[in-house]
Amino acid sequence: MNFIYKTATQQDIDILVTTRIKVLRAANKLADQVDMSEVAAQSRDYYEKALKDGSHTAILVYDKDQIIGCLLYTSPSPRDRT
């Protein structure tokens, strides 16, 4: 297998938001009918700001042209003391 690793940019925000919603639905066992539009909007706002200022890095993992994973790094919050 030849996976392709790509650092996410502003052009990848739709992929990041869609992937986040899928993960949240699966992790919280949410039905497709649960409205996630507010979470999607807040996630979009976060990614736009954080990718621009470098406080968030996402590595998208592709198998050919299909995304199969996303590795995330977020700078520590000021609340984090460690």
Protein backbone atom coordinates (compact mmCIF):
# COMPACT_ATOMS: atom_id res chain seq x y z
CA MET A 1 0.00 0.00 0.00
CA ASN A 2 1.25 3.45 -0.88
CA PHE A 3 -0.47 5.91 1.39
CA ILE A 4 -0.23 9.59 0.63
CA TYR A 5 0.17 12.00 3.56
CA LYS A 6 -0.84 15.60 3.00
CA THR A 7 -0.77 18.49 5.43
CA ALA A 8 -4.23 20.06 5.40
CA THR A 9 -4.61 23.62 4.13
CA GLN A 10 -7.49 26.07 3.91
CA GLN A 11 -8.59 24.21 0.77
CA ASP A 12 -9.16 21.06 2.88
CA ILE A 13 -11.55 22.57 5.42
CA ASP A 14 -14.59 20.83 3.90
CA ILE A 15 -12.84 17.46 4.30
CA LEU A 16 -11.87 18.26 7.89
CA VAL A 17 -15.37 19.34 8.85
CA THR A 18 -17.01 16.35 7.16
CA THR A 19 -14.56 13.95 8.79
CA ARG A 20 -15.10 15.54 12.22
CA ILE A 21 -18.86 15.18 11.94
CA LYS A 22 -18.51 11.51 10.93
CA VAL A 23 -16.22 10.81 13.88
CA LEU A 24 -18.50 12.59 16.34
CA ARG A 25 -21.55 10.70 15.05
CA ALA A 26 -19.74 7.36 15.38
CA ALA A 27 -18.13 8.07 18.76
CA ASN A 28 -21.39 9.33 20.27
CA LYS A 29 -23.66 6.88 18.43
CA LEU A 30 -25.67 9.73 16.92
CA ALA A 31 -28.29 9.00 14.29
CA ASP A 32 -28.07 10.67 10.91
CA GLN A 33 -31.17 12.66 11.86
CA VAL A 34 -29.35 14.50 14.66
CA ASP A 35 -28.72 18.07 13.52
CA MET A 36 -24.99 18.72 13.47
CA SER A 37 -25.16 22.00 11.54
CA GLU A 38 -24.06 24.11 14.52
CA VAL A 39 -21.13 21.78 15.24
CA ALA A 40 -20.17 21.92 11.56
CA ALA A 41 -20.32 25.75 11.54
CA GLN A 42 -18.23 26.03 14.72
CA SER A 43 -15.76 23.45 13.41
CA ARG A 44 -15.42 25.38 10.14
CA ASP A 45 -14.74 28.62 12.05
CA TYR A 46 -12.16 26.85 14.21
CA TYR A 47 -10.33 25.24 11.26
CA GLU A 48 -10.27 28.50 9.30
CA LYS A 49 -8.61 30.34 12.20
CA ALA A 50 -6.40 27.53 13.51
CA LEU A 51 -4.98 26.44 10.15
CA LYS A 52 -4.21 30.05 9.33
CA ASP A 53 -2.42 30.84 12.60
CA GLY A 54 -0.70 27.44 12.82
CA SER A 55 -2.29 26.38 16.12
CA HIS A 56 -3.73 23.25 14.45
CA THR A 57 -2.08 20.83 12.07
CA ALA A 58 -3.95 18.02 10.36
CA ILE A 59 -2.34 15.37 8.22
CA LEU A 60 -4.77 13.79 5.77
CA VAL A 61 -4.04 10.20 4.82
CA TYR A 62 -5.12 8.98 1.40
CA ASP A 63 -5.16 5.59 -0.27
CA LYS A 64 -5.14 6.64 -3.91
CA ASP A 65 -7.88 9.31 -4.04
CA GLN A 66 -9.85 8.16 -0.99
CA ILE A 67 -9.25 9.67 2.45
CA ILE A 68 -8.70 6.91 4.98
CA GLY A 69 -7.52 8.85 8.00
CA CYS A 70 -6.62 12.12 9.59
CA LEU A 71 -3.87 12.73 12.12
CA LEU A 72 -4.38 15.83 14.25
CA TYR A 73 -2.16 18.08 16.29
CA THR A 74 -3.50 21.05 18.23
CA SER A 75 -1.24 23.40 20.15
CA PRO A 76 -1.70 23.11 23.90
CA SER A 77 -4.38 25.30 25.35
CA PRO A 78 -3.38 27.99 27.87
CA ARG A 79 -5.47 25.92 30.33
CA ASP A 80 -3.01 23.03 29.95
CA ARG A 81 -0.33 23.30 32.60
CA THR A 82 1.76 20.32 31.47
